[in-house]
């Protein structure tokens, strides 16, 4: 089984060859935390402001299960 991951804006730079249209599919046989998934991708945890799992806001401690869809977002500035 696997999980599907989307990265927003500056987090994409942390994953060489990341395709923003397709995202990333990773194998996942056992539940893992969002932190474990982020570290597996090489994402800087201090740059993650928001985690979405299956379209719902979650924390980095949230459990990811096979077939989940996860998105990581950095802080967003604006004016």
N, C-alpha and C. Protein backbone atom coordinates (compact mmCIF):
# COMPACT_ATOMS: atom_id res chain seq x y z
N UNK A 1 0.84 -1.17 0.00
CA UNK A 1 0.00 0.00 0.00
C UNK A 1 0.89 1.24 0.00
N UNK A 2 0.28 2.38 -0.20
CA UNK A 2 1.06 3.60 -0.30
C UNK A 2 0.27 4.80 0.21
N UNK A 3 0.96 5.93 0.29
CA UNK A 3 0.33 7.21 0.62
C UNK A 3 0.67 8.18 -0.50
N UNK A 4 -0.19 9.17 -0.65
CA UNK A 4 0.04 10.20 -1.68
C UNK A 4 0.32 11.52 -0.97
N UNK A 5 1.38 12.21 -1.40
CA UNK A 5 1.83 13.42 -0.71
C UNK A 5 1.89 14.59 -1.68
N UNK A 6 1.41 15.72 -1.22
CA UNK A 6 1.53 16.98 -1.95
C UNK A 6 2.31 17.96 -1.09
N UNK A 7 3.17 18.74 -1.73
CA UNK A 7 3.96 19.75 -1.04
C UNK A 7 3.61 21.12 -1.61
N UNK A 8 3.54 22.09 -0.74
CA UNK A 8 3.22 23.44 -1.18
C UNK A 8 4.46 24.31 -1.23
N UNK A 9 4.49 25.19 -2.16
CA UNK A 9 5.48 26.24 -2.40
C UNK A 9 6.91 25.86 -2.03
N UNK A 10 7.49 26.51 -1.03
CA UNK A 10 8.92 26.36 -0.74
C UNK A 10 9.30 24.96 -0.28
N UNK A 11 8.38 24.17 0.22
CA UNK A 11 8.71 22.81 0.65
C UNK A 11 9.08 21.93 -0.54
N UNK A 12 8.60 22.27 -1.71
CA UNK A 12 8.91 21.50 -2.92
C UNK A 12 10.40 21.45 -3.21
N UNK A 13 11.12 22.50 -2.82
CA UNK A 13 12.56 22.58 -3.07
C UNK A 13 13.33 21.53 -2.28
N UNK A 14 12.75 20.99 -1.24
CA UNK A 14 13.43 20.02 -0.39
C UNK A 14 13.45 18.62 -0.99
N UNK A 15 12.63 18.39 -2.02
CA UNK A 15 12.53 17.07 -2.62
C UNK A 15 12.95 17.17 -4.09
N UNK A 16 14.17 16.75 -4.41
CA UNK A 16 14.64 16.83 -5.79
C UNK A 16 13.70 16.10 -6.75
N UNK A 17 13.39 16.75 -7.86
CA UNK A 17 12.54 16.14 -8.87
C UNK A 17 11.06 16.13 -8.54
N UNK A 18 10.66 16.85 -7.48
CA UNK A 18 9.24 16.87 -7.11
C UNK A 18 8.40 17.42 -8.25
N UNK A 19 7.32 16.74 -8.57
CA UNK A 19 6.39 17.16 -9.61
C UNK A 19 5.13 17.70 -8.93
N UNK A 20 4.89 19.03 -8.99
CA UNK A 20 3.74 19.60 -8.27
C UNK A 20 2.39 19.13 -8.79
N UNK A 21 2.33 18.66 -10.01
CA UNK A 21 1.05 18.17 -10.54
C UNK A 21 0.77 16.76 -10.02
N UNK A 22 1.77 15.90 -10.05
CA UNK A 22 1.58 14.50 -9.65
C UNK A 22 1.76 14.27 -8.16
N UNK A 23 2.57 15.11 -7.50
CA UNK A 23 2.87 14.85 -6.09
C UNK A 23 3.83 13.68 -5.97
N UNK A 24 3.80 13.02 -4.84
CA UNK A 24 4.67 11.88 -4.57
C UNK A 24 3.83 10.74 -4.03
N UNK A 25 4.11 9.54 -4.47
CA UNK A 25 3.51 8.35 -3.89
C UNK A 25 4.62 7.57 -3.23
N UNK A 26 4.43 7.27 -1.94
CA UNK A 26 5.42 6.51 -1.18
C UNK A 26 4.79 5.23 -0.65
N UNK A 27 5.56 4.14 -0.66
CA UNK A 27 5.04 2.93 -0.02
C UNK A 27 4.93 3.13 1.49
N UNK A 28 3.89 2.61 2.08
CA UNK A 28 3.70 2.68 3.53
C UNK A 28 2.93 1.43 3.94
N UNK A 29 3.61 0.54 4.64
CA UNK A 29 2.99 -0.71 5.06
C UNK A 29 2.40 -0.64 6.46
N UNK A 30 2.97 0.26 7.30
CA UNK A 30 2.51 0.39 8.68
C UNK A 30 2.17 1.85 8.95
N UNK A 31 1.31 2.09 9.90
CA UNK A 31 1.04 3.49 10.27
C UNK A 31 2.33 4.20 10.68
N UNK A 32 2.40 5.49 10.37
CA UNK A 32 3.54 6.33 10.73
C UNK A 32 2.99 7.70 11.09
N UNK A 33 3.78 8.51 11.76
CA UNK A 33 3.34 9.87 12.05
C UNK A 33 3.67 10.76 10.86
N UNK A 34 3.01 11.90 10.82
CA UNK A 34 3.31 12.88 9.77
C UNK A 34 4.76 13.33 9.88
N UNK A 35 5.29 13.42 11.09
CA UNK A 35 6.70 13.77 11.28
C UNK A 35 7.60 12.73 10.62
N UNK A 36 7.32 11.45 10.81
CA UNK A 36 8.13 10.40 10.21
C UNK A 36 8.10 10.48 8.69
N UNK A 37 6.95 10.77 8.13
CA UNK A 37 6.82 10.91 6.67
C UNK A 37 7.62 12.11 6.19
N UNK A 38 7.50 13.24 6.90
CA UNK A 38 8.23 14.45 6.52
C UNK A 38 9.74 14.21 6.56
N UNK A 39 10.21 13.55 7.61
CA UNK A 39 11.64 13.26 7.71
C UNK A 39 12.11 12.31 6.62
N UNK A 40 11.27 11.35 6.28
CA UNK A 40 11.61 10.42 5.20
C UNK A 40 11.80 11.16 3.87
N UNK A 41 11.02 12.23 3.69
CA UNK A 41 11.15 13.05 2.48
C UNK A 41 12.30 14.05 2.56
N UNK A 42 12.83 14.26 3.76
CA UNK A 42 13.88 15.24 3.93
C UNK A 42 13.36 16.66 4.11
N UNK A 43 12.11 16.79 4.53
CA UNK A 43 11.53 18.11 4.74
C UNK A 43 12.02 18.70 6.06
N UNK A 44 12.35 19.98 6.09
CA UNK A 44 12.73 20.62 7.36
C UNK A 44 11.49 20.85 8.22
N UNK A 45 11.43 20.17 9.35
CA UNK A 45 10.24 20.25 10.20
C UNK A 45 9.91 21.67 10.62
N UNK A 46 10.93 22.50 10.84
CA UNK A 46 10.68 23.87 11.26
C UNK A 46 9.99 24.69 10.18
N UNK A 47 9.99 24.20 8.94
CA UNK A 47 9.35 24.92 7.83
C UNK A 47 7.92 24.44 7.56
N UNK A 48 7.44 23.48 8.32
CA UNK A 48 6.07 22.97 8.13
C UNK A 48 5.14 23.66 9.11
N UNK A 49 4.18 24.38 8.57
CA UNK A 49 3.21 25.11 9.40
C UNK A 49 1.87 24.39 9.49
N UNK A 50 1.50 23.70 8.41
CA UNK A 50 0.19 23.07 8.34
C UNK A 50 0.31 21.70 7.69
N UNK A 51 -0.41 20.74 8.28
CA UNK A 51 -0.49 19.39 7.74
C UNK A 51 -1.96 19.09 7.48
N UNK A 52 -2.24 18.54 6.32
CA UNK A 52 -3.60 18.11 5.99
C UNK A 52 -3.55 16.61 5.70
N UNK A 53 -4.45 15.87 6.33
CA UNK A 53 -4.57 14.45 6.06
C UNK A 53 -5.98 14.19 5.57
N UNK A 54 -6.07 13.69 4.36
CA UNK A 54 -7.37 13.42 3.73
C UNK A 54 -8.28 14.64 3.78
N UNK A 55 -7.68 15.82 3.54
CA UNK A 55 -8.44 17.06 3.47
C UNK A 55 -8.78 17.70 4.80
N UNK A 56 -8.25 17.16 5.90
CA UNK A 56 -8.54 17.72 7.23
C UNK A 56 -7.24 18.13 7.91
N UNK A 57 -7.28 19.26 8.58
CA UNK A 57 -6.10 19.75 9.29
C UNK A 57 -5.70 18.76 10.37
N UNK A 58 -4.38 18.54 10.48
CA UNK A 58 -3.84 17.60 11.46
C UNK A 58 -2.53 18.16 12.01
N UNK A 59 -1.98 17.48 12.99
CA UNK A 59 -0.70 17.88 13.56
C UNK A 59 0.41 16.97 13.02
N UNK A 60 1.64 17.35 13.29
CA UNK A 60 2.77 16.50 12.89
C UNK A 60 2.79 15.19 13.65
N UNK A 61 2.07 15.12 14.76
CA UNK A 61 1.99 13.88 15.54
C UNK A 61 0.88 12.95 15.05
N UNK A 62 0.10 13.42 14.10
CA UNK A 62 -1.03 12.62 13.61
C UNK A 62 -0.53 11.36 12.90
N UNK A 63 -1.34 10.33 12.97
CA UNK A 63 -1.01 9.05 12.36
C UNK A 63 -1.42 9.02 10.90
N UNK A 64 -0.48 8.60 10.07
CA UNK A 64 -0.73 8.39 8.64
C UNK A 64 -0.88 6.89 8.43
N UNK A 65 -1.90 6.51 7.68
CA UNK A 65 -2.14 5.10 7.40
C UNK A 65 -2.06 4.87 5.89
N UNK A 66 -1.82 3.62 5.50
CA UNK A 66 -1.80 3.32 4.06
C UNK A 66 -3.06 3.86 3.37
N UNK A 67 -2.87 4.39 2.18
CA UNK A 67 -3.91 4.97 1.32
C UNK A 67 -4.31 6.39 1.72
N UNK A 68 -3.72 6.97 2.75
CA UNK A 68 -4.01 8.35 3.11
C UNK A 68 -3.41 9.31 2.09
N UNK A 69 -4.00 10.50 2.02
CA UNK A 69 -3.45 11.60 1.26
C UNK A 69 -3.01 12.67 2.25
N UNK A 70 -1.76 13.11 2.12
CA UNK A 70 -1.21 14.07 3.06
C UNK A 70 -0.63 15.26 2.30
N UNK A 71 -0.81 16.44 2.86
CA UNK A 71 -0.23 17.65 2.25
C UNK A 71 0.49 18.44 3.35
N UNK A 72 1.67 18.95 2.99
CA UNK A 72 2.46 19.76 3.90
C UNK A 72 2.53 21.18 3.34
N UNK A 73 2.35 22.16 4.23
CA UNK A 73 2.36 23.58 3.84
C UNK A 73 3.32 24.36 4.73
N UNK A 74 4.10 25.28 4.15
CA UNK A 74 4.94 26.16 4.96
C UNK A 74 4.12 27.35 5.44
N UNK A 75 4.71 28.19 6.32
CA UNK A 75 4.02 29.41 6.69
C UNK A 75 3.82 30.28 5.45
N UNK A 76 2.72 31.01 5.41
CA UNK A 76 2.42 31.86 4.27
C UNK A 76 2.40 33.31 4.75
N UNK A 77 3.13 34.16 4.05
CA UNK A 77 3.11 35.58 4.38
C UNK A 77 2.27 36.33 3.38
N UNK A 78 1.88 37.48 3.73
CA UNK A 78 1.09 38.28 2.81
C UNK A 78 0.99 39.71 3.31
N UNK A 79 0.34 40.47 2.52
CA UNK A 79 0.25 41.85 2.95
C UNK A 79 -1.03 42.49 2.52
